[in-house]
Amino acid sequence: PDNRPGMIDVLYYTDGSASVECTVEIRKGEETYRQSTWR
């Protein structure tokens, strides 16, 4: 949010609050199952 170089794993909002988003990936054989959720 301060425009400095690099990325962070937090999303900040205009009121100063923030959230995170997690993705879980499960692989079995040739199949892959991904699920993403924010909090």
All heavy atoms as atom14 arrays in JSON, in Angstrom:
{
  "sequence": "PDNRPGMIDVLYYTDGSASVECTVEIRKGEETYRQSTWR",
  "atom14_mask": [
    [1, 1, 1, 1, 1, 1, 1, 0, 0, 0, 0, 0, 0, 0],
    [1, 1, 1, 1, 1, 1, 1, 1, 0, 0, 0, 0, 0, 0],
    [1, 1, 1, 1, 1, 1, 1, 1, 0, 0, 0, 0, 0, 0],
    [1, 1, 1, 1, 1, 1, 1, 1, 1, 1, 1, 0, 0, 0],
    [1, 1, 1, 1, 1, 1, 1, 0, 0, 0, 0, 0, 0, 0],
    [1, 1, 1, 1, 0, 0, 0, 0, 0, 0, 0, 0, 0, 0],
    [1, 1, 1, 1, 1, 1, 1, 1, 0, 0, 0, 0, 0, 0],
    [1, 1, 1, 1, 1, 1, 1, 1, 0, 0, 0, 0, 0, 0],
    [1, 1, 1, 1, 1, 1, 1, 1, 0, 0, 0, 0, 0, 0],
    [1, 1, 1, 1, 1, 1, 1, 0, 0, 0, 0, 0, 0, 0],
    [1, 1, 1, 1, 1, 1, 1, 1, 0, 0, 0, 0, 0, 0],
    [1, 1, 1, 1, 1, 1, 1, 1, 1, 1, 1, 1, 0, 0],
    [1, 1, 1, 1, 1, 1, 1, 1, 1, 1, 1, 1, 0, 0],
    [1, 1, 1, 1, 1, 1, 1, 0, 0, 0, 0, 0, 0, 0],
    [1, 1, 1, 1, 1, 1, 1, 1, 0, 0, 0, 0, 0, 0],
    [1, 1, 1, 1, 0, 0, 0, 0, 0, 0, 0, 0, 0, 0],
    [1, 1, 1, 1, 1, 1, 0, 0, 0, 0, 0, 0, 0, 0],
    [1, 1, 1, 1, 1, 0, 0, 0, 0, 0, 0, 0, 0, 0],
    [1, 1, 1, 1, 1, 1, 0, 0, 0, 0, 0, 0, 0, 0],
    [1, 1, 1, 1, 1, 1, 1, 0, 0, 0, 0, 0, 0, 0],
    [1, 1, 1, 1, 1, 1, 1, 1, 1, 0, 0, 0, 0, 0],
    [1, 1, 1, 1, 1, 1, 0, 0, 0, 0, 0, 0, 0, 0],
    [1, 1, 1, 1, 1, 1, 1, 0, 0, 0, 0, 0, 0, 0],
    [1, 1, 1, 1, 1, 1, 1, 0, 0, 0, 0, 0, 0, 0],
    [1, 1, 1, 1, 1, 1, 1, 1, 1, 0, 0, 0, 0, 0],
    [1, 1, 1, 1, 1, 1, 1, 1, 0, 0, 0, 0, 0, 0],
    [1, 1, 1, 1, 1, 1, 1, 1, 1, 1, 1, 0, 0, 0],
    [1, 1, 1, 1, 1, 1, 1, 1, 1, 0, 0, 0, 0, 0],
    [1, 1, 1, 1, 0, 0, 0, 0, 0, 0, 0, 0, 0, 0],
    [1, 1, 1, 1, 1, 1, 1, 1, 1, 0, 0, 0, 0, 0],
    [1, 1, 1, 1, 1, 1, 1, 1, 1, 0, 0, 0, 0, 0],
    [1, 1, 1, 1, 1, 1, 1, 0, 0, 0, 0, 0, 0, 0],
    [1, 1, 1, 1, 1, 1, 1, 1, 1, 1, 1, 1, 0, 0],
    [1, 1, 1, 1, 1, 1, 1, 1, 1, 1, 1, 0, 0, 0],
    [1, 1, 1, 1, 1, 1, 1, 1, 1, 0, 0, 0, 0, 0],
    [1, 1, 1, 1, 1, 1, 0, 0, 0, 0, 0, 0, 0, 0],
    [1, 1, 1, 1, 1, 1, 1, 0, 0, 0, 0, 0, 0, 0],
    [1, 1, 1, 1, 1, 1, 1, 1, 1, 1, 1, 1, 1, 1],
    [1, 1, 1, 1, 1, 1, 1, 1, 1, 1, 1, 0, 0, 0]
  ],
  "atom14_positions": [
    [[0.81, -1.22, 0.0], [0.0, 0.0, 0.0], [0.84, 1.27, 0.0], [0.34, 2.34, -0.37], [-0.82, -0.12, 1.3], [-0.01, -1.02, 2.17], [0.66, -2.0, 1.24], [0.0, 0.0, 0.0], [0.0, 0.0, 0.0], [0.0, 0.0, 0.0], [0.0, 0.0, 0.0], [0.0, 0.0, 0.0], [0.0, 0.0, 0.0], [0.0, 0.0, 0.0]],
    [[2.12, 1.17, 0.4], [2.98, 2.35, 0.44], [3.77, 2.52, -0.86], [4.68, 3.36, -0.94], [3.94, 2.28, 1.62], [4.73, 0.96, 1.65], [4.68, 0.22, 0.65], [5.37, 0.69, 2.67], [0.0, 0.0, 0.0], [0.0, 0.0, 0.0], [0.0, 0.0, 0.0], [0.0, 0.0, 0.0], [0.0, 0.0, 0.0], [0.0, 0.0, 0.0]],
    [[3.44, 1.69, -1.87], [4.08, 1.75, -3.19], [5.56, 1.4, -3.18], [6.28, 1.67, -4.16], [3.9, 3.15, -3.81], [2.44, 3.47, -4.11], [1.7, 2.61, -4.57], [2.03, 4.7, -3.82], [0.0, 0.0, 0.0], [0.0, 0.0, 0.0], [0.0, 0.0, 0.0], [0.0, 0.0, 0.0], [0.0, 0.0, 0.0], [0.0, 0.0, 0.0]],
    [[6.04, 0.82, -2.1], [7.42, 0.35, -2.07], [7.52, -0.92, -2.9], [6.53, -1.61, -3.12], [7.86, 0.1, -0.63], [8.02, 1.37, 0.2], [8.09, 1.06, 1.69], [9.19, 0.17, 1.99], [9.37, -0.4, 3.19], [8.49, -0.17, 4.17], [10.41, -1.17, 3.4], [0.0, 0.0, 0.0], [0.0, 0.0, 0.0], [0.0, 0.0, 0.0]],
    [[8.74, -1.27, -3.39], [8.88, -2.47, -4.2], [8.59, -3.74, -3.39], [8.75, -3.77, -2.19], [10.34, -2.44, -4.65], [10.99, -1.28, -3.98], [9.97, -0.52, -3.22], [0.0, 0.0, 0.0], [0.0, 0.0, 0.0], [0.0, 0.0, 0.0], [0.0, 0.0, 0.0], [0.0, 0.0, 0.0], [0.0, 0.0, 0.0], [0.0, 0.0, 0.0]],
    [[8.15, -4.77, -4.11], [7.87, -6.05, -3.47], [6.38, -6.27, -3.27], [5.57, -5.35, -3.4], [0.0, 0.0, 0.0], [0.0, 0.0, 0.0], [0.0, 0.0, 0.0], [0.0, 0.0, 0.0], [0.0, 0.0, 0.0], [0.0, 0.0, 0.0], [0.0, 0.0, 0.0], [0.0, 0.0, 0.0], [0.0, 0.0, 0.0], [0.0, 0.0, 0.0]],
    [[6.04, -7.52, -2.98], [4.65, -7.91, -2.77], [4.47, -8.39, -1.34], [5.42, -8.88, -0.7], [4.27, -9.04, -3.74], [4.54, -8.72, -5.21], [3.38, -7.5, -5.89], [1.94, -8.56, -6.13], [0.0, 0.0, 0.0], [0.0, 0.0, 0.0], [0.0, 0.0, 0.0], [0.0, 0.0, 0.0], [0.0, 0.0, 0.0], [0.0, 0.0, 0.0]],
    [[3.25, -8.28, -0.81], [2.94, -8.76, 0.54], [1.68, -9.62, 0.47], [0.87, -9.5, -0.45], [2.73, -7.61, 1.53], [1.66, -6.64, 1.02], [4.04, -6.88, 1.79], [1.32, -5.53, 2.01], [0.0, 0.0, 0.0], [0.0, 0.0, 0.0], [0.0, 0.0, 0.0], [0.0, 0.0, 0.0], [0.0, 0.0, 0.0], [0.0, 0.0, 0.0]],
    [[1.54, -10.51, 1.45], [0.41, -11.45, 1.44], [-0.78, -10.94, 2.24], [-1.52, -11.7, 2.86], [0.85, -12.82, 1.96], [1.58, -12.74, 3.29], [1.6, -11.65, 3.9], [2.14, -13.77, 3.72], [0.0, 0.0, 0.0], [0.0, 0.0, 0.0], [0.0, 0.0, 0.0], [0.0, 0.0, 0.0], [0.0, 0.0, 0.0], [0.0, 0.0, 0.0]],
    [[-0.97, -9.62, 2.23], [-2.09, -8.97, 2.9], [-2.7, -7.95, 1.95], [-1.98, -7.23, 1.25], [-1.63, -8.25, 4.19], [-2.82, -7.59, 4.89], [-0.93, -9.21, 5.13], [0.0, 0.0, 0.0], [0.0, 0.0, 0.0], [0.0, 0.0, 0.0], [0.0, 0.0, 0.0], [0.0, 0.0, 0.0], [0.0, 0.0, 0.0], [0.0, 0.0, 0.0]],
    [[-4.04, -7.89, 1.92], [-4.73, -6.88, 1.12], [-5.28, -5.82, 2.07], [-6.1, -6.13, 2.95], [-5.88, -7.51, 0.33], [-6.75, -6.53, -0.48], [-5.92, -5.81, -1.53], [-7.91, -7.27, -1.12], [0.0, 0.0, 0.0], [0.0, 0.0, 0.0], [0.0, 0.0, 0.0], [0.0, 0.0, 0.0], [0.0, 0.0, 0.0], [0.0, 0.0, 0.0]],
    [[-4.82, -4.57, 1.92], [-5.26, -3.48, 2.78], [-6.38, -2.7, 2.11], [-6.38, -2.5, 0.9], [-4.09, -2.55, 3.09], [-3.11, -3.13, 4.09], [-2.02, -3.86, 3.66], [-3.32, -2.97, 5.46], [-1.12, -4.41, 4.57], [-2.43, -3.51, 6.38], [-1.34, -4.23, 5.94], [-0.47, -4.78, 6.84], [0.0, 0.0, 0.0], [0.0, 0.0, 0.0]],
    [[-7.32, -2.21, 2.96], [-8.43, -1.4, 2.48], [-8.24, 0.05, 2.91], [-7.37, 0.37, 3.73], [-9.75, -1.97, 3.01], [-9.98, -3.4, 2.58], [-9.64, -4.47, 3.42], [-10.5, -3.7, 1.33], [-9.83, -5.78, 3.02], [-10.69, -5.01, 0.92], [-10.35, -6.05, 1.77], [-10.52, -7.35, 1.37], [0.0, 0.0, 0.0], [0.0, 0.0, 0.0]],
    [[-9.06, 0.94, 2.37], [-8.87, 2.36, 2.61], [-9.06, 2.76, 4.07], [-8.54, 3.78, 4.51], [-9.85, 3.18, 1.74], [-11.2, 2.74, 1.99], [-9.53, 3.0, 0.26], [0.0, 0.0, 0.0], [0.0, 0.0, 0.0], [0.0, 0.0, 0.0], [0.0, 0.0, 0.0], [0.0, 0.0, 0.0], [0.0, 0.0, 0.0], [0.0, 0.0, 0.0]],
    [[-9.8, 1.96, 4.84], [-10.01, 2.3, 6.26], [-8.93, 1.71, 7.16], [-9.01, 1.83, 8.39], [-11.39, 1.82, 6.72], [-11.55, 0.3, 6.64], [-10.64, -0.38, 6.11], [-12.59, -0.21, 7.1], [0.0, 0.0, 0.0], [0.0, 0.0, 0.0], [0.0, 0.0, 0.0], [0.0, 0.0, 0.0], [0.0, 0.0, 0.0], [0.0, 0.0, 0.0]],
    [[-7.92, 1.06, 6.56], [-6.84, 0.49, 7.35], [-7.03, -0.96, 7.74], [-6.11, -1.6, 8.25], [0.0, 0.0, 0.0], [0.0, 0.0, 0.0], [0.0, 0.0, 0.0], [0.0, 0.0, 0.0], [0.0, 0.0, 0.0], [0.0, 0.0, 0.0], [0.0, 0.0, 0.0], [0.0, 0.0, 0.0], [0.0, 0.0, 0.0], [0.0, 0.0, 0.0]],
    [[-8.24, -1.49, 7.52], [-8.47, -2.91, 7.78], [-7.84, -3.74, 6.67], [-7.39, -3.19, 5.65], [-9.97, -3.21, 7.89], [-10.62, -2.91, 6.66], [0.0, 0.0, 0.0], [0.0, 0.0, 0.0], [0.0, 0.0, 0.0], [0.0, 0.0, 0.0], [0.0, 0.0, 0.0], [0.0, 0.0, 0.0], [0.0, 0.0, 0.0], [0.0, 0.0, 0.0]],
    [[-7.8, -5.04, 6.85], [-7.08, -5.88, 5.88], [-7.66, -7.28, 5.84], [-8.43, -7.69, 6.73], [-5.6, -5.93, 6.24], [0.0, 0.0, 0.0], [0.0, 0.0, 0.0], [0.0, 0.0, 0.0], [0.0, 0.0, 0.0], [0.0, 0.0, 0.0], [0.0, 0.0, 0.0], [0.0, 0.0, 0.0], [0.0, 0.0, 0.0], [0.0, 0.0, 0.0]],
    [[-7.29, -8.03, 4.82], [-7.72, -9.42, 4.69], [-6.61, -10.25, 4.08], [-5.63, -9.71, 3.54], [-8.98, -9.52, 3.82], [-8.7, -9.15, 2.48], [0.0, 0.0, 0.0], [0.0, 0.0, 0.0], [0.0, 0.0, 0.0], [0.0, 0.0, 0.0], [0.0, 0.0, 0.0], [0.0, 0.0, 0.0], [0.0, 0.0, 0.0], [0.0, 0.0, 0.0]],
    [[-6.76, -11.56, 4.18], [-5.81, -12.48, 3.56], [-6.61, -13.5, 2.75], [-7.8, -13.71, 2.99], [-4.96, -13.22, 4.62], [-4.07, -12.25, 5.37], [-5.84, -13.99, 5.61], [0.0, 0.0, 0.0], [0.0, 0.0, 0.0], [0.0, 0.0, 0.0], [0.0, 0.0, 0.0], [0.0, 0.0, 0.0], [0.0, 0.0, 0.0], [0.0, 0.0, 0.0]],
    [[-5.95, -14.1, 1.78], [-6.59, -15.13, 0.95], [-5.69, -16.35, 0.88], [-4.51, -16.24, 0.57], [-6.87, -14.62, -0.45], [-7.61, -15.64, -1.33], [-7.9, -15.12, -2.72], [-6.98, -14.53, -3.32], [-9.02, -15.3, -3.21], [0.0, 0.0, 0.0], [0.0, 0.0, 0.0], [0.0, 0.0, 0.0], [0.0, 0.0, 0.0], [0.0, 0.0, 0.0]],
    [[-6.28, -17.5, 1.19], [-5.53, -18.76, 1.2], [-6.04, -19.67, 0.09], [-7.25, -19.74, -0.17], [-5.7, -19.46, 2.55], [-4.89, -21.08, 2.66], [0.0, 0.0, 0.0], [0.0, 0.0, 0.0], [0.0, 0.0, 0.0], [0.0, 0.0, 0.0], [0.0, 0.0, 0.0], [0.0, 0.0, 0.0], [0.0, 0.0, 0.0], [0.0, 0.0, 0.0]],
    [[-5.12, -20.37, -0.57], [-5.46, -21.38, -1.56], [-4.84, -22.7, -1.14], [-3.66, -22.77, -0.82], [-4.93, -21.0, -2.96], [-5.55, -19.79, -3.37], [-5.23, -22.1, -3.97], [0.0, 0.0, 0.0], [0.0, 0.0, 0.0], [0.0, 0.0, 0.0], [0.0, 0.0, 0.0], [0.0, 0.0, 0.0], [0.0, 0.0, 0.0], [0.0, 0.0, 0.0]],
    [[-5.67, -23.74, -1.11], [-5.2, -25.09, -0.83], [-5.28, -25.88, -2.12], [-6.31, -25.87, -2.8], [-6.03, -25.77, 0.27], [-5.63, -27.24, 0.41], [-5.84, -25.05, 1.61], [0.0, 0.0, 0.0], [0.0, 0.0, 0.0], [0.0, 0.0, 0.0], [0.0, 0.0, 0.0], [0.0, 0.0, 0.0], [0.0, 0.0, 0.0], [0.0, 0.0, 0.0]],
    [[-4.2, -26.55, -2.47], [-4.16, -27.38, -3.67], [-3.9, -28.83, -3.26], [-2.95, -29.11, -2.52], [-3.08, -26.91, -4.63], [-3.0, -27.75, -5.91], [-1.96, -27.21, -6.88], [-2.25, -26.22, -7.57], [-0.85, -27.79, -6.94], [0.0, 0.0, 0.0], [0.0, 0.0, 0.0], [0.0, 0.0, 0.0], [0.0, 0.0, 0.0], [0.0, 0.0, 0.0]],
    [[-4.74, -29.71, -3.75], [-4.6, -31.16, -3.49], [-4.38, -31.85, -4.82], [-5.14, -31.64, -5.78], [-5.86, -31.72, -2.79], [-6.03, -31.06, -1.41], [-5.76, -33.23, -2.64], [-7.3, -31.48, -0.69], [0.0, 0.0, 0.0], [0.0, 0.0, 0.0], [0.0, 0.0, 0.0], [0.0, 0.0, 0.0], [0.0, 0.0, 0.0], [0.0, 0.0, 0.0]],
    [[-3.36, -32.68, -4.88], [-3.07, -33.43, -6.1], [-3.16, -34.93, -5.81], [-2.72, -35.42, -4.77], [-1.68, -33.09, -6.61], [-1.52, -31.66, -7.1], [-0.15, -31.42, -7.69], [0.89, -31.52, -6.66], [1.33, -30.47, -5.96], [0.81, -29.27, -6.17], [2.28, -30.62, -5.07], [0.0, 0.0, 0.0], [0.0, 0.0, 0.0], [0.0, 0.0, 0.0]],
    [[-3.73, -35.64, -6.77], [-3.81, -37.1, -6.69], [-3.76, -37.65, -8.11], [-4.7, -37.44, -8.89], [-5.1, -37.56, -5.98], [-5.15, -39.07, -5.75], [-6.38, -39.47, -4.94], [-6.38, -40.98, -4.68], [-7.58, -41.4, -3.92], [0.0, 0.0, 0.0], [0.0, 0.0, 0.0], [0.0, 0.0, 0.0], [0.0, 0.0, 0.0], [0.0, 0.0, 0.0]],
    [[-2.68, -38.32, -8.43], [-2.51, -38.8, -9.79], [-2.42, -37.63, -10.75], [-1.63, -36.71, -10.56], [0.0, 0.0, 0.0], [0.0, 0.0, 0.0], [0.0, 0.0, 0.0], [0.0, 0.0, 0.0], [0.0, 0.0, 0.0], [0.0, 0.0, 0.0], [0.0, 0.0, 0.0], [0.0, 0.0, 0.0], [0.0, 0.0, 0.0], [0.0, 0.0, 0.0]],
    [[-3.28, -37.64, -11.76], [-3.29, -36.57, -12.75], [-4.25, -35.46, -12.4], [-4.34, -34.45, -13.11], [-3.67, -37.16, -14.13], [-2.71, -38.23, -14.65], [-1.31, -37.67, -14.86], [-1.2, -36.52, -15.34], [-0.34, -38.37, -14.53], [0.0, 0.0, 0.0], [0.0, 0.0, 0.0], [0.0, 0.0, 0.0], [0.0, 0.0, 0.0], [0.0, 0.0, 0.0]],
    [[-5.01, -35.62, -11.32], [-6.02, -34.63, -10.96], [-5.5, -33.63, -9.94], [-4.68, -33.97, -9.07], [-7.27, -35.31, -10.39], [-8.16, -35.97, -11.43], [-9.52, -36.31, -10.84], [-10.41, -35.44, -10.84], [-9.68, -37.45, -10.39], [0.0, 0.0, 0.0], [0.0, 0.0, 0.0], [0.0, 0.0, 0.0], [0.0, 0.0, 0.0], [0.0, 0.0, 0.0]],
    [[-6.02, -32.4, -10.02], [-5.69, -31.34, -9.07], [-6.98, -30.65, -8.64], [-7.84, -30.35, -9.48], [-4.74, -30.31, -9.68], [-3.51, -30.95, -10.06], [-4.43, -29.2, -8.68], [0.0, 0.0, 0.0], [0.0, 0.0, 0.0], [0.0, 0.0, 0.0], [0.0, 0.0, 0.0], [0.0, 0.0, 0.0], [0.0, 0.0, 0.0], [0.0, 0.0, 0.0]],
    [[-7.1, -30.41, -7.36], [-8.27, -29.71, -6.82], [-7.77, -28.51, -6.02], [-6.99, -28.66, -5.08], [-9.08, -30.65, -5.94], [-10.22, -30.03, -5.18], [-10.97, -28.97, -5.7], [-10.58, -30.51, -3.92], [-12.01, -28.4, -4.99], [-11.63, -29.96, -3.2], [-12.34, -28.9, -3.74], [-13.38, -28.34, -3.04], [0.0, 0.0, 0.0], [0.0, 0.0, 0.0]],
    [[-8.22, -27.31, -6.42], [-7.81, -26.07, -5.75], [-9.04, -25.36, -5.18], [-10.09, -25.32, -5.82], [-7.08, -25.13, -6.72], [-5.7, -25.6, -7.11], [-5.12, -24.74, -8.22], [-4.99, -23.34, -7.83], [-3.92, -22.81, -7.23], [-2.88, -23.59, -6.96], [-3.88, -21.53, -6.93], [0.0, 0.0, 0.0], [0.0, 0.0, 0.0], [0.0, 0.0, 0.0]],
    [[-8.86, -24.81, -3.99], [-9.94, -24.05, -3.36], [-9.32, -22.8, -2.72], [-8.32, -22.89, -2.0], [-10.66, -24.87, -2.29], [-11.75, -24.14, -1.55], [-12.96, -23.86, -2.43], [-13.37, -24.72, -3.21], [-13.53, -22.66, -2.32], [0.0, 0.0, 0.0], [0.0, 0.0, 0.0], [0.0, 0.0, 0.0], [0.0, 0.0, 0.0], [0.0, 0.0, 0.0]],
    [[-9.91, -21.63, -3.0], [-9.41, -20.38, -2.43], [-10.49, -19.73, -1.59], [-11.69, -19.76, -1.94], [-8.99, -19.41, -3.54], [-7.92, -19.95, -4.3], [0.0, 0.0, 0.0], [0.0, 0.0, 0.0], [0.0, 0.0, 0.0], [0.0, 0.0, 0.0], [0.0, 0.0, 0.0], [0.0, 0.0, 0.0], [0.0, 0.0, 0.0], [0.0, 0.0, 0.0]],
    [[-10.07, -19.12, -0.48], [-10.99, -18.46, 0.43], [-10.3, -17.25, 1.06], [-9.11, -17.31, 1.36], [-11.44, -19.41, 1.56], [-11.97, -20.6, 1.0], [-12.51, -18.77, 2.43], [0.0, 0.0, 0.0], [0.0, 0.0, 0.0], [0.0, 0.0, 0.0], [0.0, 0.0, 0.0], [0.0, 0.0, 0.0], [0.0, 0.0, 0.0], [0.0, 0.0, 0.0]],
    [[-11.01, -16.17, 1.25], [-10.45, -15.01, 1.92], [-11.04, -14.88, 3.32], [-12.08, -15.44, 3.64], [-10.72, -13.74, 1.11], [-12.15, -13.25, 1.23], [-13.23, -13.73, 0.55], [-12.61, -12.22, 2.09], [-14.37, -13.07, 0.93], [-14.02, -12.12, 1.88], [-12.01, -11.38, 3.02], [-14.8, -11.21, 2.58], [-12.8, -10.46, 3.71], [-14.17, -10.38, 3.47]],
    [[-10.35, -14.11, 4.15], [-10.82, -13.88, 5.52], [-10.31, -12.52, 6.01], [-9.14, -12.2, 5.84], [-10.32, -14.97, 6.46], [-10.88, -14.89, 7.88], [-10.29, -16.0, 8.75], [-10.98, -16.12, 10.02], [-10.7, -15.4, 11.09], [-9.74, -14.48, 11.03], [-11.35, -15.58, 12.22], [0.0, 0.0, 0.0], [0.0, 0.0, 0.0], [0.0, 0.0, 0.0]]
  ]
}
